[in-house]
Amino acid sequence: MLNEKRYALYYHGGQSVFKVLDAMSAATDTGKTTLIINAQKDASTDKWYYMTATSAAGLTAITFGSAITTGNWTELTANATEITPTASHIIARIVEVDSADKPIAFADVPLNIG
């Protein structure tokens, strides 16, 4: 009987998890890309921030329930914002944070640079 349980799934209800942020990057001008977020913020006090890196390993890790250091990120003030990433950067992490700067949603986006 116990052998059958080893294939069972375990779920502990009530655990908080990040929402998936629907985002993408579109090549624009030479050396530029536009970060596009296909969503609205959950609340009027929420903000979006992004950072870019040469690889996914170079992006700052985020933890549910722990505030980000906003000085290490750049704020996105619109659903579509043109940016000029560092030449060797190929990926962006976009986060939506609540009024306490705690991430509630994120996306890692490959950069399409013009």
PDB file of N, CA and C in Angstrom:
ATOM      1  N   MET A   1       0.809  -1.189   0.000  1.00  0.00           N
ATOM      2  CA  MET A   1       0.000   0.000   0.000  1.00  0.00           C
ATOM      3  C   MET A   1       0.856   1.259   0.000  1.00  0.00           C
ATOM      4  N   LEU A   2       1.919   1.300   0.780  1.00  0.00           N
ATOM      5  CA  LEU A   2       2.775   2.480   0.831  1.00  0.00           C
ATOM      6  C   LEU A   2       3.509   2.710  -0.486  1.00  0.00           C
ATOM      7  N   ASN A   3       3.799   1.665  -1.216  1.00  0.00           N
ATOM      8  CA  ASN A   3       4.497   1.810  -2.489  1.00  0.00           C
ATOM      9  C   ASN A   3       3.701   2.649  -3.479  1.00  0.00           C
ATOM     10  N   GLU A   4       2.384   2.595  -3.401  1.00  0.00           N
ATOM     11  CA  GLU A   4       1.547   3.369  -4.302  1.00  0.00           C
ATOM     12  C   GLU A   4       1.611   4.857  -3.988  1.00  0.00           C
ATOM     13  N   LYS A   5       1.887   5.218  -2.750  1.00  0.00           N
ATOM     14  CA  LYS A   5       1.893   6.618  -2.336  1.00  0.00           C
ATOM     15  C   LYS A   5       3.142   7.350  -2.789  1.00  0.00           C
ATOM     16  N   ARG A   6       4.177   6.661  -3.156  1.00  0.00           N
ATOM     17  CA  ARG A   6       5.402   7.346  -3.564  1.00  0.00           C
ATOM     18  C   ARG A   6       5.217   8.140  -4.858  1.00  0.00           C
ATOM     19  N   TYR A   7       4.172   7.868  -5.611  1.00  0.00           N
ATOM     20  CA  TYR A   7       3.905   8.593  -6.844  1.00  0.00           C
ATOM     21  C   TYR A   7       2.865   9.703  -6.650  1.00  0.00           C
ATOM     22  N   ALA A   8       2.419   9.883  -5.451  1.00  0.00           N
ATOM     23  CA  ALA A   8       1.387  10.886  -5.165  1.00  0.00           C
ATOM     24  C   ALA A   8       1.985  12.296  -5.204  1.00  0.00           C
ATOM     25  N   LEU A   9       1.147  13.259  -5.500  1.00  0.00           N
ATOM     26  CA  LEU A   9       1.543  14.661  -5.467  1.00  0.00           C
ATOM     27  C   LEU A   9       1.240  15.235  -4.099  1.00  0.00           C
ATOM     28  N   TYR A  10       2.095  16.141  -3.651  1.00  0.00           N
ATOM     29  CA  TYR A  10       1.864  16.811  -2.378  1.00  0.00           C
ATOM     30  C   TYR A  10       1.571  18.272  -2.649  1.00  0.00           C
ATOM     31  N   TYR A  11       0.514  18.768  -2.058  1.00  0.00           N
ATOM     32  CA  TYR A  11       0.164  20.184  -2.187  1.00  0.00           C
ATOM     33  C   TYR A  11      -0.189  20.710  -0.811  1.00  0.00           C
ATOM     34  N   HIS A  12       0.452  21.808  -0.461  1.00  0.00           N
ATOM     35  CA  HIS A  12       0.148  22.475   0.803  1.00  0.00           C
ATOM     36  C   HIS A  12      -0.540  23.779   0.456  1.00  0.00           C
ATOM     37  N   GLY A  13      -1.845  23.824   0.563  1.00  0.00           N
ATOM     38  CA  GLY A  13      -2.628  24.989   0.161  1.00  0.00           C
ATOM     39  C   GLY A  13      -2.236  26.250   0.904  1.00  0.00           C
ATOM     40  N   GLY A  14      -2.432  27.379   0.244  1.00  0.00           N
ATOM     41  CA  GLY A  14      -2.178  28.664   0.870  1.00  0.00           C
ATOM     42  C   GLY A  14      -0.773  29.191   0.667  1.00  0.00           C
ATOM     43  N   GLN A  15       0.081  28.452  -0.016  1.00  0.00           N
ATOM     44  CA  GLN A  15       1.426  28.941  -0.254  1.00  0.00           C
ATOM     45  C   GLN A  15       1.371  30.062  -1.290  1.00  0.00           C
ATOM     46  N   SER A  16       2.058  31.145  -1.012  1.00  0.00           N
ATOM     47  CA  SER A  16       2.082  32.270  -1.941  1.00  0.00           C
ATOM     48  C   SER A  16       3.095  32.010  -3.037  1.00  0.00           C
ATOM     49  N   VAL A  17       2.710  32.349  -4.255  1.00  0.00           N
ATOM     50  CA  VAL A  17       3.597  32.181  -5.400  1.00  0.00           C
ATOM     51  C   VAL A  17       3.503  33.421  -6.281  1.00  0.00           C
ATOM     52  N   PHE A  18       4.537  33.621  -7.100  1.00  0.00           N
ATOM     53  CA  PHE A  18       4.526  34.731  -8.043  1.00  0.00           C
ATOM     54  C   PHE A  18       3.520  34.484  -9.148  1.00  0.00           C
ATOM     55  N   LYS A  19       2.890  35.553  -9.597  1.00  0.00           N
ATOM     56  CA  LYS A  19       2.092  35.479 -10.811  1.00  0.00           C
ATOM     57  C   LYS A  19       3.067  35.583 -11.985  1.00  0.00           C
ATOM     58  N   VAL A  20       2.666  35.050 -13.121  1.00  0.00           N
ATOM     59  CA  VAL A  20       3.457  35.186 -14.337  1.00  0.00           C
ATOM     60  C   VAL A  20       3.101  36.517 -14.975  1.00  0.00           C
ATOM     61  N   LEU A  21       4.101  37.307 -15.268  1.00  0.00           N
ATOM     62  CA  LEU A  21       3.896  38.590 -15.925  1.00  0.00           C
ATOM     63  C   LEU A  21       4.032  38.366 -17.427  1.00  0.00           C
ATOM     64  N   ASP A  22       3.012  38.675 -18.202  1.00  0.00           N
ATOM     65  CA  ASP A  22       3.030  38.502 -19.653  1.00  0.00           C
ATOM     66  C   ASP A  22       3.798  39.667 -20.261  1.00  0.00           C
ATOM     67  N   ALA A  23       5.043  39.414 -20.655  1.00  0.00           N
ATOM     68  CA  ALA A  23       5.896  40.482 -21.173  1.00  0.00           C
ATOM     69  C   ALA A  23       6.730  39.973 -22.335  1.00  0.00           C
ATOM     70  N   MET A  24       7.207  40.914 -23.149  1.00  0.00           N
ATOM     71  CA  MET A  24       8.052  40.574 -24.293  1.00  0.00           C
ATOM     72  C   MET A  24       8.939  41.762 -24.634  1.00  0.00           C
ATOM     73  N   SER A  25       9.829  41.553 -25.595  1.00  0.00           N
ATOM     74  CA  SER A  25      10.738  42.599 -26.057  1.00  0.00           C
ATOM     75  C   SER A  25      10.623  42.674 -27.578  1.00  0.00           C
ATOM     76  N   ALA A  26      10.618  43.891 -28.107  1.00  0.00           N
ATOM     77  CA  ALA A  26      10.531  44.088 -29.554  1.00  0.00           C
ATOM     78  C   ALA A  26      11.661  45.014 -29.994  1.00  0.00           C
ATOM     79  N   ALA A  27      12.395  44.603 -31.019  1.00  0.00           N
ATOM     80  CA  ALA A  27      13.484  45.421 -31.543  1.00  0.00           C
ATOM     81  C   ALA A  27      12.927  46.726 -32.098  1.00  0.00           C
ATOM     82  N   THR A  28      13.603  47.801 -31.792  1.00  0.00           N
ATOM     83  CA  THR A  28      13.184  49.111 -32.304  1.00  0.00           C
ATOM     84  C   THR A  28      14.362  49.731 -33.042  1.00  0.00           C
ATOM     85  N   ASP A  29      14.894  50.807 -32.576  1.00  0.00           N
ATOM     86  CA  ASP A  29      16.001  51.497 -33.218  1.00  0.00           C
ATOM     87  C   ASP A  29      17.307  50.734 -32.977  1.00  0.00           C
ATOM     88  N   THR A  30      18.371  51.123 -33.657  1.00  0.00           N
ATOM     89  CA  THR A  30      19.672  50.477 -33.489  1.00  0.00           C
ATOM     90  C   THR A  30      20.106  50.520 -32.027  1.00  0.00           C
ATOM     91  N   GLY A  31      20.404  49.336 -31.465  1.00  0.00           N
ATOM     92  CA  GLY A  31      20.848  49.238 -30.084  1.00  0.00           C
ATOM     93  C   GLY A  31      19.740  49.396 -29.058  1.00  0.00           C
ATOM     94  N   LYS A  32      18.483  49.426 -29.514  1.00  0.00           N
ATOM     95  CA  LYS A  32      17.359  49.650 -28.599  1.00  0.00           C
ATOM     96  C   LYS A  32      16.337  48.526 -28.708  1.00  0.00           C
ATOM     97  N   THR A  33      15.548  48.397 -27.663  1.00  0.00           N
ATOM     98  CA  THR A  33      14.444  47.460 -27.633  1.00  0.00           C
ATOM     99  C   THR A  33      13.310  48.086 -26.839  1.00  0.00           C
ATOM    100  N   THR A  34      12.103  47.638 -27.091  1.00  0.00           N
ATOM    101  CA  THR A  34      10.963  48.093 -26.304  1.00  0.00           C
ATOM    102  C   THR A  34      10.471  46.931 -25.457  1.00  0.00           C
ATOM    103  N   LEU A  35      10.436  47.157 -24.144  1.00  0.00           N
ATOM    104  CA  LEU A  35       9.865  46.170 -23.230  1.00  0.00           C
ATOM    105  C   LEU A  35       8.362  46.394 -23.198  1.00  0.00           C
ATOM    106  N   ILE A  36       7.604  45.336 -23.466  1.00  0.00           N
ATOM    107  CA  ILE A  36       6.152  45.426 -23.556  1.00  0.00           C
ATOM    108  C   ILE A  36       5.541  44.509 -22.506  1.00  0.00           C
ATOM    109  N   ILE A  37       4.675  45.070 -21.683  1.00  0.00           N
ATOM    110  CA  ILE A  37       3.964  44.296 -20.673  1.00  0.00           C
ATOM    111  C   ILE A  37       2.507  44.226 -21.104  1.00  0.00           C
ATOM    112  N   ASN A  38       2.027  43.010 -21.325  1.00  0.00           N
ATOM    113  CA  ASN A  38       0.660  42.794 -21.797  1.00  0.00           C
ATOM    114  C   ASN A  38      -0.284  42.573 -20.616  1.00  0.00           C
ATOM    115  N   ALA A  39      -0.283  43.515 -19.693  1.00  0.00           N
ATOM    116  CA  ALA A  39      -1.125  43.402 -18.496  1.00  0.00           C
ATOM    117  C   ALA A  39      -1.270  44.768 -17.859  1.00  0.00           C
ATOM    118  N   GLN A  40      -2.205  44.848 -16.950  1.00  0.00           N
ATOM    119  CA  GLN A  40      -2.358  46.038 -16.118  1.00  0.00           C
ATOM    120  C   GLN A  40      -1.824  45.702 -14.731  1.00  0.00           C
ATOM    121  N   LYS A  41      -1.413  46.711 -13.996  1.00  0.00           N
ATOM    122  CA  LYS A  41      -0.948  46.493 -12.629  1.00  0.00           C
ATOM    123  C   LYS A  41      -2.131  46.043 -11.772  1.00  0.00           C
ATOM    124  N   ASP A  42      -1.843  45.215 -10.780  1.00  0.00           N
ATOM    125  CA  ASP A  42      -2.888  44.729  -9.876  1.00  0.00           C
ATOM    126  C   ASP A  42      -3.542  45.858  -9.086  1.00  0.00           C
ATOM    127  N   ALA A  43      -2.752  46.840  -8.688  1.00  0.00           N
ATOM    128  CA  ALA A  43      -3.267  47.953  -7.889  1.00  0.00           C
ATOM    129  C   ALA A  43      -2.609  49.241  -8.367  1.00  0.00           C
ATOM    130  N   SER A  44      -3.254  50.357  -8.103  1.00  0.00           N
ATOM    131  CA  SER A  44      -2.719  51.645  -8.558  1.00  0.00           C
ATOM    132  C   SER A  44      -1.395  51.984  -7.879  1.00  0.00           C
ATOM    133  N   THR A  45      -1.102  51.370  -6.752  1.00  0.00           N
ATOM    134  CA  THR A  45       0.152  51.638  -6.042  1.00  0.00           C
ATOM    135  C   THR A  45       1.289  50.718  -6.484  1.00  0.00           C
ATOM    136  N   ASP A  46       0.993  49.717  -7.311  1.00  0.00           N
ATOM    137  CA  ASP A  46       2.026  48.813  -7.805  1.00  0.00           C
ATOM    138  C   ASP A  46       2.914  49.523  -8.820  1.00  0.00           C
ATOM    139  N   LYS A  47       4.155  49.019  -8.964  1.00  0.00           N
ATOM    140  CA  LYS A  47       5.101  49.560  -9.944  1.00  0.00           C
ATOM    141  C   LYS A  47       5.776  48.415 -10.664  1.00  0.00           C
ATOM    142  N   TRP A  48       6.298  48.721 -11.858  1.00  0.00           N
ATOM    143  CA  TRP A  48       7.108  47.767 -12.613  1.00  0.00           C
ATOM    144  C   TRP A  48       8.549  48.238 -12.605  1.00  0.00           C
ATOM    145  N   TYR A  49       9.475  47.286 -12.484  1.00  0.00           N
ATOM    146  CA  TYR A  49      10.901  47.569 -12.563  1.00  0.00           C
ATOM    147  C   TYR A  49      11.541  46.527 -13.472  1.00  0.00           C
ATOM    148  N   TYR A  50      12.702  46.876 -14.035  1.00  0.00           N
ATOM    149  CA  TYR A  50      13.430  45.910 -14.852  1.00  0.00           C
ATOM    150  C   TYR A  50      14.926  46.042 -14.620  1.00  0.00           C
ATOM    151  N   MET A  51      15.639  44.995 -15.007  1.00  0.00           N
ATOM    152  CA  MET A  51      17.096  45.023 -15.085  1.00  0.00           C
ATOM    153  C   MET A  51      17.496  44.124 -16.241  1.00  0.00           C
ATOM    154  N   THR A  52      18.673  44.349 -16.797  1.00  0.00           N
ATOM    155  CA  THR A  52      19.167  43.520 -17.891  1.00  0.00           C
ATOM    156  C   THR A  52      20.505  42.900 -17.480  1.00  0.00           C
ATOM    157  N   ALA A  53      20.895  41.827 -18.194  1.00  0.00           N
ATOM    158  CA  ALA A  53      22.149  41.138 -17.882  1.00  0.00           C
ATOM    159  C   ALA A  53      22.635  40.368 -19.103  1.00  0.00           C
ATOM    160  N   THR A  54      23.864  39.862 -18.993  1.00  0.00           N
ATOM    161  CA  THR A  54      24.448  39.073 -20.077  1.00  0.00           C
ATOM    162  C   THR A  54      23.939  37.635 -20.076  1.00  0.00           C
ATOM    163  N   SER A  55      23.344  37.203 -18.963  1.00  0.00           N
ATOM    164  CA  SER A  55      22.766  35.860 -18.867  1.00  0.00           C
ATOM    165  C   SER A  55      21.745  35.848 -17.744  1.00  0.00           C
ATOM    166  N   ALA A  56      20.929  34.816 -17.703  1.00  0.00           N
ATOM    167  CA  ALA A  56      19.925  34.697 -16.646  1.00  0.00           C
ATOM    168  C   ALA A  56      20.584  34.630 -15.272  1.00  0.00           C
ATOM    169  N   ALA A  57      21.764  34.039 -15.203  1.00  0.00           N
ATOM    170  CA  ALA A  57      22.481  33.936 -13.928  1.00  0.00           C
ATOM    171  C   ALA A  57      22.897  35.313 -13.402  1.00  0.00           C
ATOM    172  N   GLY A  58      23.016  36.285 -14.283  1.00  0.00           N
ATOM    173  CA  GLY A  58      23.411  37.627 -13.879  1.00  0.00           C
ATOM    174  C   GLY A  58      22.274  38.498 -13.373  1.00  0.00           C
ATOM    175  N   LEU A  59      21.041  38.007 -13.459  1.00  0.00           N
ATOM    176  CA  LEU A  59      19.888  38.766 -12.976  1.00  0.00           C
ATOM    177  C   LEU A  59      19.737  38.604 -11.471  1.00  0.00           C
ATOM    178  N   THR A  60      19.327  39.666 -10.801  1.00  0.00           N
ATOM    179  CA  THR A  60      19.119  39.610  -9.356  1.00  0.00           C
ATOM    180  C   THR A  60      17.956  38.683  -9.035  1.00  0.00           C
ATOM    181  N   ALA A  61      18.182  37.771  -8.109  1.00  0.00           N
ATOM    182  CA  ALA A  61      17.126  36.863  -7.675  1.00  0.00           C
ATOM    183  C   ALA A  61      16.088  37.634  -6.869  1.00  0.00           C
ATOM    184  N   ILE A  62      14.843  37.189  -6.983  1.00  0.00           N
ATOM    185  CA  ILE A  62      13.771  37.795  -6.198  1.00  0.00           C
ATOM    186  C   ILE A  62      13.127  36.708  -5.349  1.00  0.00           C
ATOM    187  N   THR A  63      12.603  37.125  -4.208  1.00  0.00           N
ATOM    188  CA  THR A  63      11.976  36.196  -3.283  1.00  0.00           C
ATOM    189  C   THR A  63      10.596  36.721  -2.932  1.00  0.00           C
ATOM    190  N   PHE A  64       9.610  35.842  -2.992  1.00  0.00           N
ATOM    191  CA  PHE A  64       8.251  36.257  -2.653  1.00  0.00           C
ATOM    192  C   PHE A  64       8.231  36.721  -1.203  1.00  0.00           C
ATOM    193  N   GLY A  65       7.666  37.893  -0.954  1.00  0.00           N
ATOM    194  CA  GLY A  65       7.557  38.430   0.389  1.00  0.00           C
ATOM    195  C   GLY A  65       8.733  39.279   0.838  1.00  0.00           C
ATOM    196  N   SER A  66       9.805  39.338   0.018  1.00  0.00           N
ATOM    197  CA  SER A  66      10.981  40.145   0.365  1.00  0.00           C
ATOM    198  C   SER A  66      11.099  41.315  -0.597  1.00  0.00           C
ATOM    199  N   ALA A  67      11.190  42.515  -0.063  1.00  0.00           N
ATOM    200  CA  ALA A  67      11.265  43.720  -0.895  1.00  0.00           C
ATOM    201  C   ALA A  67      12.548  43.745  -1.714  1.00  0.00           C
ATOM    202  N   ILE A  68      12.443  44.301  -2.913  1.00  0.00           N
ATOM    203  CA  ILE A  68      13.631  44.505  -3.742  1.00  0.00           C
ATOM    204  C   ILE A  68      14.285  45.825  -3.340  1.00  0.00           C
ATOM    205  N   THR A  69      15.544  45.977  -3.689  1.00  0.00           N
ATOM    206  CA  THR A  69      16.247  47.249  -3.515  1.00  0.00           C
ATOM    207  C   THR A  69      16.037  48.018  -4.809  1.00  0.00           C
ATOM    208  N   THR A  70      15.104  48.965  -4.806  1.00  0.00           N
ATOM    209  CA  THR A  70      14.710  49.630  -6.049  1.00  0.00           C
ATOM    210  C   THR A  70      15.860  50.383  -6.696  1.00  0.00           C
ATOM    211  N   GLY A  71      16.874  50.757  -5.944  1.00  0.00           N
ATOM    212  CA  GLY A  71      18.031  51.446  -6.515  1.00  0.00           C
ATOM    213  C   GLY A  71      18.825  50.578  -7.473  1.00  0.00           C
ATOM    214  N   ASN A  72      18.629  49.263  -7.407  1.00  0.00           N
ATOM    215  CA  ASN A  72      19.326  48.330  -8.308  1.00  0.00           C
ATOM    216  C   ASN A  72      18.525  48.048  -9.577  1.00  0.00           C
ATOM    217  N   TRP A  73      17.330  48.618  -9.684  1.00  0.00           N
ATOM    218  CA  TRP A  73      16.419  48.373 -10.788  1.00  0.00           C
ATOM    219  C   TRP A  73      16.070  49.694 -11.461  1.00  0.00           C
ATOM    220  N   THR A  74      15.501  49.628 -12.661  1.00  0.00           N
ATOM    221  CA  THR A  74      15.013  50.812 -13.367  1.00  0.00           C
ATOM    222  C   THR A  74      13.499  50.697 -13.476  1.00  0.00           C
ATOM    223  N   GLU A  75      12.800  51.767 -13.122  1.00  0.00           N
ATOM    224  CA  GLU A  75      11.343  51.733 -13.153  1.00  0.00           C
ATOM    225  C   GLU A  75      10.815  51.843 -14.584  1.00  0.00           C
ATOM    226  N   LEU A  76       9.803  51.045 -14.883  1.00  0.00           N
ATOM    227  CA  LEU A  76       9.058  51.148 -16.141  1.00  0.00           C
ATOM    228  C   LEU A  76       7.783  51.916 -15.832  1.00  0.00           C
ATOM    229  N   THR A  77       7.571  53.022 -16.507  1.00  0.00           N
ATOM    230  CA  THR A  77       6.403  53.844 -16.197  1.00  0.00           C
ATOM    231  C   THR A  77       5.235  53.620 -17.155  1.00  0.00           C
ATOM    232  N   ALA A  78       5.429  52.787 -18.166  1.00  0.00           N
ATOM    233  CA  ALA A  78       4.364  52.510 -19.132  1.00  0.00           C
ATOM    234  C   ALA A  78       4.431  51.047 -19.559  1.00  0.00           C
ATOM    235  N   ASN A  79       3.330  50.549 -20.137  1.00  0.00           N
ATOM    236  CA  ASN A  79       3.280  49.167 -20.627  1.00  0.00           C
ATOM    237  C   ASN A  79       4.293  48.903 -21.731  1.00  0.00           C
ATOM    238  N   ALA A  80       4.640  49.921 -22.482  1.00  0.00           N
ATOM    239  CA  ALA A  80       5.637  49.790 -23.548  1.00  0.00           C
ATOM    240  C   ALA A  80       6.665  50.905 -23.375  1.00  0.00           C
ATOM    241  N   THR A  81       7.898  50.508 -23.091  1.00  0.00           N
ATOM    242  CA  THR A  81       8.961  51.475 -22.841  1.00  0.00           C
ATOM    243  C   THR A  81      10.199  51.079 -23.626  1.00  0.00           C
ATOM    244  N   GLU A  82      10.720  52.018 -24.414  1.00  0.00           N
ATOM    245  CA  GLU A  82      11.941  51.766 -25.165  1.00  0.00           C
ATOM    246  C   GLU A  82      13.141  51.960 -24.244  1.00  0.00           C
ATOM    247  N   ILE A  83      14.068  50.992 -24.284  1.00  0.00           N
ATOM    248  CA  ILE A  83      15.279  51.067 -23.472  1.00  0.00           C
ATOM    249  C   ILE A  83      16.513  50.877 -24.348  1.00  0.00           C
ATOM    250  N   THR A  84      17.663  51.276 -23.847  1.00  0.00           N
ATOM    251  CA  THR A  84      18.942  51.049 -24.513  1.00  0.00           C
ATOM    252  C   THR A  84      19.793  50.202 -23.578  1.00  0.00           C
ATOM    253  N   PRO A  85      19.728  48.875 -23.718  1.00  0.00           N
ATOM    254  CA  PRO A  85      20.504  48.023 -22.813  1.00  0.00           C
ATOM    255  C   PRO A  85      21.995  48.070 -23.145  1.00  0.00           C
ATOM    256  N   THR A  86      22.812  47.691 -22.177  1.00  0.00           N
ATOM    257  CA  THR A  86      24.253  47.540 -22.406  1.00  0.00           C
ATOM    258  C   THR A  86      24.446  46.575 -23.566  1.00  0.00           C
ATOM    259  N   ALA A  87      25.432  46.831 -24.411  1.00  0.00           N
ATOM    260  CA  ALA A  87      25.621  46.084 -25.658  1.00  0.00           C
ATOM    261  C   ALA A  87      25.646  44.565 -25.488  1.00  0.00           C
ATOM    262  N   SER A  88      26.249  44.038 -24.452  1.00  0.00           N
ATOM    263  CA  SER A  88      26.370  42.586 -24.287  1.00  0.00           C
ATOM    264  C   SER A  88      25.181  41.956 -23.570  1.00  0.00           C
ATOM    265  N   HIS A  89      24.216  42.754 -23.144  1.00  0.00           N
ATOM    266  CA  HIS A  89      23.072  42.210 -22.399  1.00  0.00           C
ATOM    267  C   HIS A  89      22.052  41.583 -23.345  1.00  0.00           C
ATOM    268  N   ILE A  90      21.575  40.394 -22.965  1.00  0.00           N
ATOM    269  CA  ILE A  90      20.669  39.641 -23.840  1.00  0.00           C
ATOM    270  C   ILE A  90      19.349  39.262 -23.169  1.00  0.00           C
ATOM    271  N   ILE A  91      19.191  39.573 -21.862  1.00  0.00           N
ATOM    272  CA  ILE A  91      17.987  39.171 -21.145  1.00  0.00           C
ATOM    273  C   ILE A  91      17.585  40.270 -20.162  1.00  0.00           C
ATOM    274  N   ALA A  92      16.275  40.363 -19.923  1.00  0.00           N
ATOM    275  CA  ALA A  92      15.755  41.322 -18.942  1.00  0.00           C
ATOM    276  C   ALA A  92      14.863  40.588 -17.952  1.00  0.00           C
ATOM    277  N   ARG A  93      14.876  41.039 -16.717  1.00  0.00           N
ATOM    278  CA  ARG A  93      13.921  40.566 -15.713  1.00  0.00           C
ATOM    279  C   ARG A  93      13.022  41.748 -15.388  1.00  0.00           C
ATOM    280  N   ILE A  94      11.718  41.536 -15.502  1.00  0.00           N
ATOM    281  CA  ILE A  94      10.730  42.569 -15.194  1.00  0.00           C
ATOM    282  C   ILE A  94       9.934  42.086 -13.985  1.00  0.00           C
ATOM    283  N   VAL A  95       9.770  42.962 -12.996  1.00  0.00           N
ATOM    284  CA  VAL A  95       8.996  42.603 -11.807  1.00  0.00           C
ATOM    285  C   VAL A  95       7.901  43.626 -11.570  1.00  0.00           C
ATOM    286  N   GLU A  96       6.776  43.153 -11.072  1.00  0.00           N
ATOM    287  CA  GLU A  96       5.738  44.035 -10.569  1.00  0.00           C
ATOM    288  C   GLU A  96       5.820  43.953  -9.054  1.00  0.00           C
ATOM    289  N   VAL A  97       5.923  45.110  -8.398  1.00  0.00           N
ATOM    290  CA  VAL A  97       6.016  45.138  -6.941  1.00  0.00           C
ATOM    291  C   VAL A  97       4.813  45.862  -6.357  1.00  0.00           C
ATOM    292  N   ASP A  98       4.493  45.521  -5.121  1.00  0.00           N
ATOM    293  CA  ASP A  98       3.392  46.189  -4.428  1.00  0.00           C
ATOM    294  C   ASP A  98       3.896  47.477  -3.781  1.00  0.00           C
ATOM    295  N   SER A  99       3.072  48.119  -2.987  1.00  0.00           N
ATOM    296  CA  SER A  99       3.430  49.406  -2.389  1.00  0.00           C
ATOM    297  C   SER A  99       4.602  49.305  -1.412  1.00  0.00           C
ATOM    298  N   ALA A 100       4.927  48.096  -0.962  1.00  0.00           N
ATOM    299  CA  ALA A 100       6.068  47.878  -0.065  1.00  0.00           C
ATOM    300  C   ALA A 100       7.289  47.381  -0.842  1.00  0.00           C
ATOM    301  N   ASP A 101       7.263  47.489  -2.175  1.00  0.00           N
ATOM    302  CA  ASP A 101       8.338  47.039  -3.068  1.00  0.00           C
ATOM    303  C   ASP A 101       8.584  45.533  -3.005  1.00  0.00           C
ATOM    304  N   LYS A 102       7.559  44.767  -2.635  1.00  0.00           N
ATOM    305  CA  LYS A 102       7.665  43.313  -2.623  1.00  0.00           C
ATOM    306  C   LYS A 102       7.147  42.765  -3.947  1.00  0.00           C
ATOM    307  N   PRO A 103       7.935  41.947  -4.642  1.00  0.00           N
ATOM    308  CA  PRO A 103       7.509  41.405  -5.934  1.00  0.00           C
ATOM    309  C   PRO A 103       6.279  40.525  -5.814  1.00  0.00           C
ATOM    310  N   ILE A 104       5.350  40.712  -6.761  1.00  0.00           N
ATOM    311  CA  ILE A 104       4.161  39.860  -6.816  1.00  0.00           C
ATOM    312  C   ILE A 104       4.053  39.127  -8.155  1.00  0.00           C
ATOM    313  N   ALA A 105       4.798  39.611  -9.161  1.00  0.00           N
ATOM    314  CA  ALA A 105       4.800  38.970 -10.480  1.00  0.00           C
ATOM    315  C   ALA A 105       6.125  39.278 -11.150  1.00  0.00           C
ATOM    316  N   PHE A 106       6.559  38.382 -12.056  1.00  0.00           N
ATOM    317  CA  PHE A 106       7.793  38.665 -12.794  1.00  0.00           C
ATOM    318  C   PHE A 106       7.825  37.898 -14.105  1.00  0.00           C
ATOM    319  N   ALA A 107       8.738  38.336 -14.970  1.00  0.00           N
ATOM    320  CA  ALA A 107       8.998  37.650 -16.236  1.00  0.00           C
ATOM    321  C   ALA A 107      10.452  37.847 -16.607  1.00  0.00           C
ATOM    322  N   ASP A 108      11.073  36.826 -17.162  1.00  0.00           N
ATOM    323  CA  ASP A 108      12.391  36.936 -17.766  1.00  0.00           C
ATOM    324  C   ASP A 108      12.183  36.958 -19.273  1.00  0.00           C
ATOM    325  N   VAL A 109      12.729  37.974 -19.929  1.00  0.00           N
ATOM    326  CA  VAL A 109      12.438  38.241 -21.333  1.00  0.00           C
ATOM    327  C   VAL A 109      13.737  38.302 -22.137  1.00  0.00           C
ATOM    328  N   PRO A 110      13.875  37.491 -23.195  1.00  0.00           N
ATOM    329  CA  PRO A 110      15.024  37.658 -24.086  1.00  0.00           C
ATOM    330  C   PRO A 110      14.941  39.013 -24.782  1.00  0.00           C
ATOM    331  N   LEU A 111      16.057  39.710 -24.901  1.00  0.00           N
ATOM    332  CA  LEU A 111      16.055  41.022 -25.528  1.00  0.00           C
ATOM    333  C   LEU A 111      16.207  40.903 -27.034  1.00  0.00           C
ATOM    334  N   ASN A 112      15.270  41.481 -27.771  1.00  0.00           N
ATOM    335  CA  ASN A 112      15.359  41.627 -29.226  1.00  0.00           C
ATOM    336  C   ASN A 112      15.811  43.048 -29.490  1.00  0.00           C
ATOM    337  N   ILE A 113      17.063  43.187 -29.904  1.00  0.00           N
ATOM    338  CA  ILE A 113      17.656  44.508 -30.039  1.00  0.00           C
ATOM    339  C   ILE A 113      17.814  44.862 -31.508  1.00  0.00           C
ATOM    340  N   GLY A 114      17.410  46.093 -31.849  1.00  0.00           N
ATOM    341  CA  GLY A 114      17.474  46.565 -33.235  1.00  0.00           C
ATOM    342  C   GLY A 114      18.865  46.901 -33.677  1.00  0.00           C
TER     343      GLY A 114
END
